[in-house]
Amino acid sequence: MNLPTPLNKDWVATGKATYDLKCLACHKLSDEKLVGPGWAGVTKRREPVWIMNMITNVDMMLEKDPEAQKMLEECLVRMPNQNITQEDSRKLIEFMRSNDGEK
Protein backbone atom coordinates (compact mmCIF):
# COMPACT_ATOMS: atom_id res chain seq x y z
CA MET A 1 0.00 0.00 0.00
CA ASN A 2 1.36 3.37 -1.01
CA LEU A 3 0.96 5.98 1.74
CA PRO A 4 1.19 9.53 0.38
CA THR A 5 2.92 12.45 2.00
CA PRO A 6 2.14 14.94 3.26
CA LEU A 7 -0.50 13.47 5.55
CA ASN A 8 -4.15 14.09 4.76
CA LYS A 9 -5.07 16.38 7.68
CA ASP A 10 -8.80 15.64 7.35
CA TRP A 11 -8.08 11.92 7.61
CA VAL A 12 -5.83 12.52 10.63
CA ALA A 13 -8.70 14.35 12.35
CA THR A 14 -11.22 11.62 11.47
CA GLY A 15 -8.76 8.95 12.62
CA LYS A 16 -8.26 10.75 15.93
CA ALA A 17 -12.04 10.94 16.43
CA THR A 18 -12.29 7.18 15.83
CA TYR A 19 -9.36 6.59 18.21
CA ASP A 20 -11.03 8.74 20.89
CA LEU A 21 -14.31 6.84 20.49
CA LYS A 22 -13.19 3.23 19.98
CA CYS A 23 -9.48 2.77 20.81
CA LEU A 24 -8.57 5.13 23.66
CA ALA A 25 -9.88 2.85 26.41
CA CYS A 26 -7.29 0.16 25.59
CA HIS A 27 -4.45 1.85 23.64
CA LYS A 28 -2.23 4.75 24.68
CA LEU A 29 -0.49 6.93 22.09
CA SER A 30 2.85 6.32 23.85
CA ASP A 31 4.70 3.00 23.91
CA GLU A 32 3.09 2.20 27.26
CA LYS A 33 0.80 -0.84 27.38
CA LEU A 34 -2.68 -0.19 28.77
CA VAL A 35 -4.95 -3.15 27.96
CA GLY A 36 -3.49 -3.41 24.49
CA PRO A 37 -0.10 -2.26 23.24
CA GLY A 38 0.75 1.42 22.95
CA TRP A 39 0.63 2.90 19.48
CA ALA A 40 3.94 4.79 19.45
CA GLY A 41 6.03 3.60 16.52
CA VAL A 42 3.42 1.16 15.21
CA THR A 43 3.65 2.52 11.65
CA LYS A 44 7.43 2.01 11.77
CA ARG A 45 7.10 -1.62 12.94
CA ARG A 46 4.09 -2.85 10.95
CA GLU A 47 2.96 -2.68 7.35
CA PRO A 48 -0.24 -0.68 6.73
CA VAL A 49 -2.06 -3.79 5.42
CA TRP A 50 -1.22 -5.66 8.65
CA ILE A 51 -2.52 -2.78 10.78
CA MET A 52 -5.72 -2.52 8.73
CA ASN A 53 -6.29 -6.27 8.98
CA MET A 54 -5.78 -6.13 12.74
CA ILE A 55 -8.36 -3.33 12.97
CA THR A 56 -10.97 -4.76 10.59
CA ASN A 57 -10.39 -8.55 10.77
CA VAL A 58 -9.17 -9.05 14.33
CA ASP A 59 -10.64 -12.56 14.76
CA MET A 60 -8.96 -13.84 11.59
CA MET A 61 -5.67 -12.19 12.56
CA LEU A 62 -5.72 -13.73 16.06
CA GLU A 63 -6.47 -17.11 14.53
CA LYS A 64 -3.86 -17.08 11.73
CA ASP A 65 -1.19 -14.41 12.24
CA PRO A 66 1.79 -15.34 14.47
CA GLU A 67 2.54 -11.70 15.38
CA ALA A 68 -1.08 -11.07 16.40
CA GLN A 69 -1.04 -14.29 18.45
CA LYS A 70 2.16 -13.17 20.18
CA MET A 71 0.53 -9.83 21.09
CA LEU A 72 -2.46 -11.70 22.53
CA GLU A 73 -0.10 -13.76 24.71
CA GLU A 74 1.53 -10.55 25.97
CA CYS A 75 -1.71 -8.60 26.53
CA LEU A 76 -3.90 -11.53 27.66
CA VAL A 77 -7.04 -9.83 26.30
CA ARG A 78 -8.54 -10.34 22.84
CA MET A 79 -9.05 -7.13 20.94
CA PRO A 80 -12.81 -6.80 20.35
CA ASN A 81 -14.17 -6.27 16.87
CA GLN A 82 -15.02 -2.56 16.84
CA ASN A 83 -16.84 -2.77 13.48
CA ILE A 84 -14.48 -0.25 11.91
CA THR A 85 -14.76 0.00 8.12
CA GLN A 86 -11.82 -0.34 5.73
CA GLU A 87 -12.15 3.38 4.98
CA ASP A 88 -12.08 4.35 8.67
CA SER A 89 -9.17 1.99 9.34
CA ARG A 90 -7.19 3.80 6.64
CA LYS A 91 -7.95 7.09 8.41
CA LEU A 92 -6.80 5.56 11.70
CA ILE A 93 -3.50 4.71 10.00
CA GLU A 94 -3.19 8.35 8.95
CA PHE A 95 -3.67 9.34 12.60
CA MET A 96 -1.11 6.70 13.67
CA ARG A 97 1.38 8.11 11.14
CA SER A 98 0.81 11.58 12.60
CA ASN A 99 1.33 10.18 16.11
CA ASP A 100 4.61 8.65 14.88
CA GLY A 101 5.85 12.07 13.75
CA GLU A 102 5.13 12.01 10.04
CA LYS A 103 4.09 15.31 8.50
C-alpha atoms as a PDB file:
ATOM      1  CA  MET A   1       0.000   0.000   0.000  1.00  0.00           C
ATOM      2  CA  ASN A   2       1.361   3.375  -1.005  1.00  0.00           C
ATOM      3  CA  LEU A   3       0.965   5.979   1.740  1.00  0.00           C
ATOM      4  CA  PRO A   4       1.189   9.526   0.377  1.00  0.00           C
ATOM      5  CA  THR A   5       2.920  12.448   1.997  1.00  0.00           C
ATOM      6  CA  PRO A   6       2.139  14.941   3.258  1.00  0.00           C
ATOM      7  CA  LEU A   7      -0.499  13.471   5.549  1.00  0.00           C
ATOM      8  CA  ASN A   8      -4.154  14.088   4.764  1.00  0.00           C
ATOM      9  CA  LYS A   9      -5.074  16.376   7.677  1.00  0.00           C
ATOM     10  CA  ASP A  10      -8.804  15.641   7.354  1.00  0.00           C
ATOM     11  CA  TRP A  11      -8.082  11.918   7.606  1.00  0.00           C
ATOM     12  CA  VAL A  12      -5.828  12.515  10.629  1.00  0.00           C
ATOM     13  CA  ALA A  13      -8.704  14.354  12.354  1.00  0.00           C
ATOM     14  CA  THR A  14     -11.221  11.619  11.470  1.00  0.00           C
ATOM     15  CA  GLY A  15      -8.761   8.949  12.617  1.00  0.00           C
ATOM     16  CA  LYS A  16      -8.260  10.755  15.931  1.00  0.00           C
ATOM     17  CA  ALA A  17     -12.038  10.945  16.430  1.00  0.00           C
ATOM     18  CA  THR A  18     -12.290   7.179  15.830  1.00  0.00           C
ATOM     19  CA  TYR A  19      -9.364   6.592  18.214  1.00  0.00           C
ATOM     20  CA  ASP A  20     -11.033   8.738  20.893  1.00  0.00           C
ATOM     21  CA  LEU A  21     -14.314   6.841  20.489  1.00  0.00           C
ATOM     22  CA  LYS A  22     -13.190   3.231  19.976  1.00  0.00           C
ATOM     23  CA  CYS A  23      -9.482   2.775  20.806  1.00  0.00           C
ATOM     24  CA  LEU A  24      -8.566   5.134  23.664  1.00  0.00           C
ATOM     25  CA  ALA A  25      -9.882   2.851  26.413  1.00  0.00           C
ATOM     26  CA  CYS A  26      -7.295   0.161  25.588  1.00  0.00           C
ATOM     27  CA  HIS A  27      -4.453   1.851  23.640  1.00  0.00           C
ATOM     28  CA  LYS A  28      -2.226   4.750  24.677  1.00  0.00           C
ATOM     29  CA  LEU A  29      -0.492   6.929  22.094  1.00  0.00           C
ATOM     30  CA  SER A  30       2.847   6.324  23.852  1.00  0.00           C
ATOM     31  CA  ASP A  31       4.702   3.001  23.907  1.00  0.00           C
ATOM     32  CA  GLU A  32       3.087   2.201  27.259  1.00  0.00           C
ATOM     33  CA  LYS A  33       0.796  -0.839  27.381  1.00  0.00           C
ATOM     34  CA  LEU A  34      -2.682  -0.191  28.770  1.00  0.00           C
ATOM     35  CA  VAL A  35      -4.953  -3.151  27.963  1.00  0.00           C
ATOM     36  CA  GLY A  36      -3.489  -3.406  24.488  1.00  0.00           C
ATOM     37  CA  PRO A  37      -0.102  -2.265  23.237  1.00  0.00           C
ATOM     38  CA  GLY A  38       0.751   1.424  22.947  1.00  0.00           C
ATOM     39  CA  TRP A  39       0.633   2.898  19.478  1.00  0.00           C
ATOM     40  CA  ALA A  40       3.941   4.787  19.454  1.00  0.00           C
ATOM     41  CA  GLY A  41       6.029   3.599  16.522  1.00  0.00           C
ATOM     42  CA  VAL A  42       3.421   1.165  15.207  1.00  0.00           C
ATOM     43  CA  THR A  43       3.653   2.521  11.652  1.00  0.00           C
ATOM     44  CA  LYS A  44       7.432   2.010  11.774  1.00  0.00           C
ATOM     45  CA  ARG A  45       7.095  -1.616  12.943  1.00  0.00           C
ATOM     46  CA  ARG A  46       4.091  -2.849  10.952  1.00  0.00           C
ATOM     47  CA  GLU A  47       2.958  -2.681   7.346  1.00  0.00           C
ATOM     48  CA  PRO A  48      -0.244  -0.677   6.727  1.00  0.00           C
ATOM     49  CA  VAL A  49      -2.056  -3.789   5.422  1.00  0.00           C
ATOM     50  CA  TRP A  50      -1.216  -5.663   8.649  1.00  0.00           C
ATOM     51  CA  ILE A  51      -2.524  -2.776  10.782  1.00  0.00           C
ATOM     52  CA  MET A  52      -5.723  -2.516   8.728  1.00  0.00           C
ATOM     53  CA  ASN A  53      -6.294  -6.269   8.981  1.00  0.00           C
ATOM     54  CA  MET A  54      -5.780  -6.133  12.741  1.00  0.00           C
ATOM     55  CA  ILE A  55      -8.359  -3.333  12.974  1.00  0.00           C
ATOM     56  CA  THR A  56     -10.967  -4.763  10.594  1.00  0.00           C
ATOM     57  CA  ASN A  57     -10.388  -8.553  10.773  1.00  0.00           C
ATOM     58  CA  VAL A  58      -9.171  -9.052  14.331  1.00  0.00           C
ATOM     59  CA  ASP A  59     -10.639 -12.557  14.759  1.00  0.00           C
ATOM     60  CA  MET A  60      -8.960 -13.838  11.586  1.00  0.00           C
ATOM     61  CA  MET A  61      -5.670 -12.195  12.565  1.00  0.00           C
ATOM     62  CA  LEU A  62      -5.719 -13.731  16.059  1.00  0.00           C
ATOM     63  CA  GLU A  63      -6.474 -17.106  14.526  1.00  0.00           C
ATOM     64  CA  LYS A  64      -3.865 -17.075  11.729  1.00  0.00           C
ATOM     65  CA  ASP A  65      -1.188 -14.410  12.236  1.00  0.00           C
ATOM     66  CA  PRO A  66       1.788 -15.342  14.470  1.00  0.00           C
ATOM     67  CA  GLU A  67       2.538 -11.703  15.379  1.00  0.00           C
ATOM     68  CA  ALA A  68      -1.083 -11.066  16.400  1.00  0.00           C
ATOM     69  CA  GLN A  69      -1.045 -14.287  18.446  1.00  0.00           C
ATOM     70  CA  LYS A  70       2.159 -13.172  20.177  1.00  0.00           C
ATOM     71  CA  MET A  71       0.534  -9.831  21.092  1.00  0.00           C
ATOM     72  CA  LEU A  72      -2.461 -11.703  22.529  1.00  0.00           C
ATOM     73  CA  GLU A  73      -0.099 -13.762  24.714  1.00  0.00           C
ATOM     74  CA  GLU A  74       1.531 -10.551  25.972  1.00  0.00           C
ATOM     75  CA  CYS A  75      -1.706  -8.601  26.530  1.00  0.00           C
ATOM     76  CA  LEU A  76      -3.903 -11.534  27.662  1.00  0.00           C
ATOM     77  CA  VAL A  77      -7.039  -9.830  26.301  1.00  0.00           C
ATOM     78  CA  ARG A  78      -8.538 -10.335  22.838  1.00  0.00           C
ATOM     79  CA  MET A  79      -9.053  -7.132  20.940  1.00  0.00           C
ATOM     80  CA  PRO A  80     -12.807  -6.800  20.346  1.00  0.00           C
ATOM     81  CA  ASN A  81     -14.172  -6.267  16.874  1.00  0.00           C
ATOM     82  CA  GLN A  82     -15.020  -2.559  16.840  1.00  0.00           C
ATOM     83  CA  ASN A  83     -16.844  -2.765  13.481  1.00  0.00           C
ATOM     84  CA  ILE A  84     -14.476  -0.252  11.906  1.00  0.00           C
ATOM     85  CA  THR A  85     -14.755  -0.003   8.121  1.00  0.00           C
ATOM     86  CA  GLN A  86     -11.818  -0.338   5.729  1.00  0.00           C
ATOM     87  CA  GLU A  87     -12.153   3.382   4.984  1.00  0.00           C
ATOM     88  CA  ASP A  88     -12.082   4.345   8.668  1.00  0.00           C
ATOM     89  CA  SER A  89      -9.167   1.986   9.338  1.00  0.00           C
ATOM     90  CA  ARG A  90      -7.194   3.799   6.637  1.00  0.00           C
ATOM     91  CA  LYS A  91      -7.947   7.093   8.405  1.00  0.00           C
ATOM     92  CA  LEU A  92      -6.798   5.556  11.702  1.00  0.00           C
ATOM     93  CA  ILE A  93      -3.499   4.713  10.004  1.00  0.00           C
ATOM     94  CA  GLU A  94      -3.189   8.354   8.951  1.00  0.00           C
ATOM     95  CA  PHE A  95      -3.668   9.344  12.605  1.00  0.00           C
ATOM     96  CA  MET A  96      -1.115   6.702  13.668  1.00  0.00           C
ATOM     97  CA  ARG A  97       1.375   8.108  11.143  1.00  0.00           C
ATOM     98  CA  SER A  98       0.814  11.580  12.595  1.00  0.00           C
ATOM     99  CA  ASN A  99       1.332  10.177  16.105  1.00  0.00           C
ATOM    100  CA  ASP A 100       4.608   8.653  14.876  1.00  0.00           C
ATOM    101  CA  GLY A 101       5.854  12.074  13.754  1.00  0.00           C
ATOM    102  CA  GLU A 102       5.128  12.012  10.044  1.00  0.00           C
ATOM    103  CA  LYS A 103       4.094  15.315   8.498  1.00  0.00           C
END
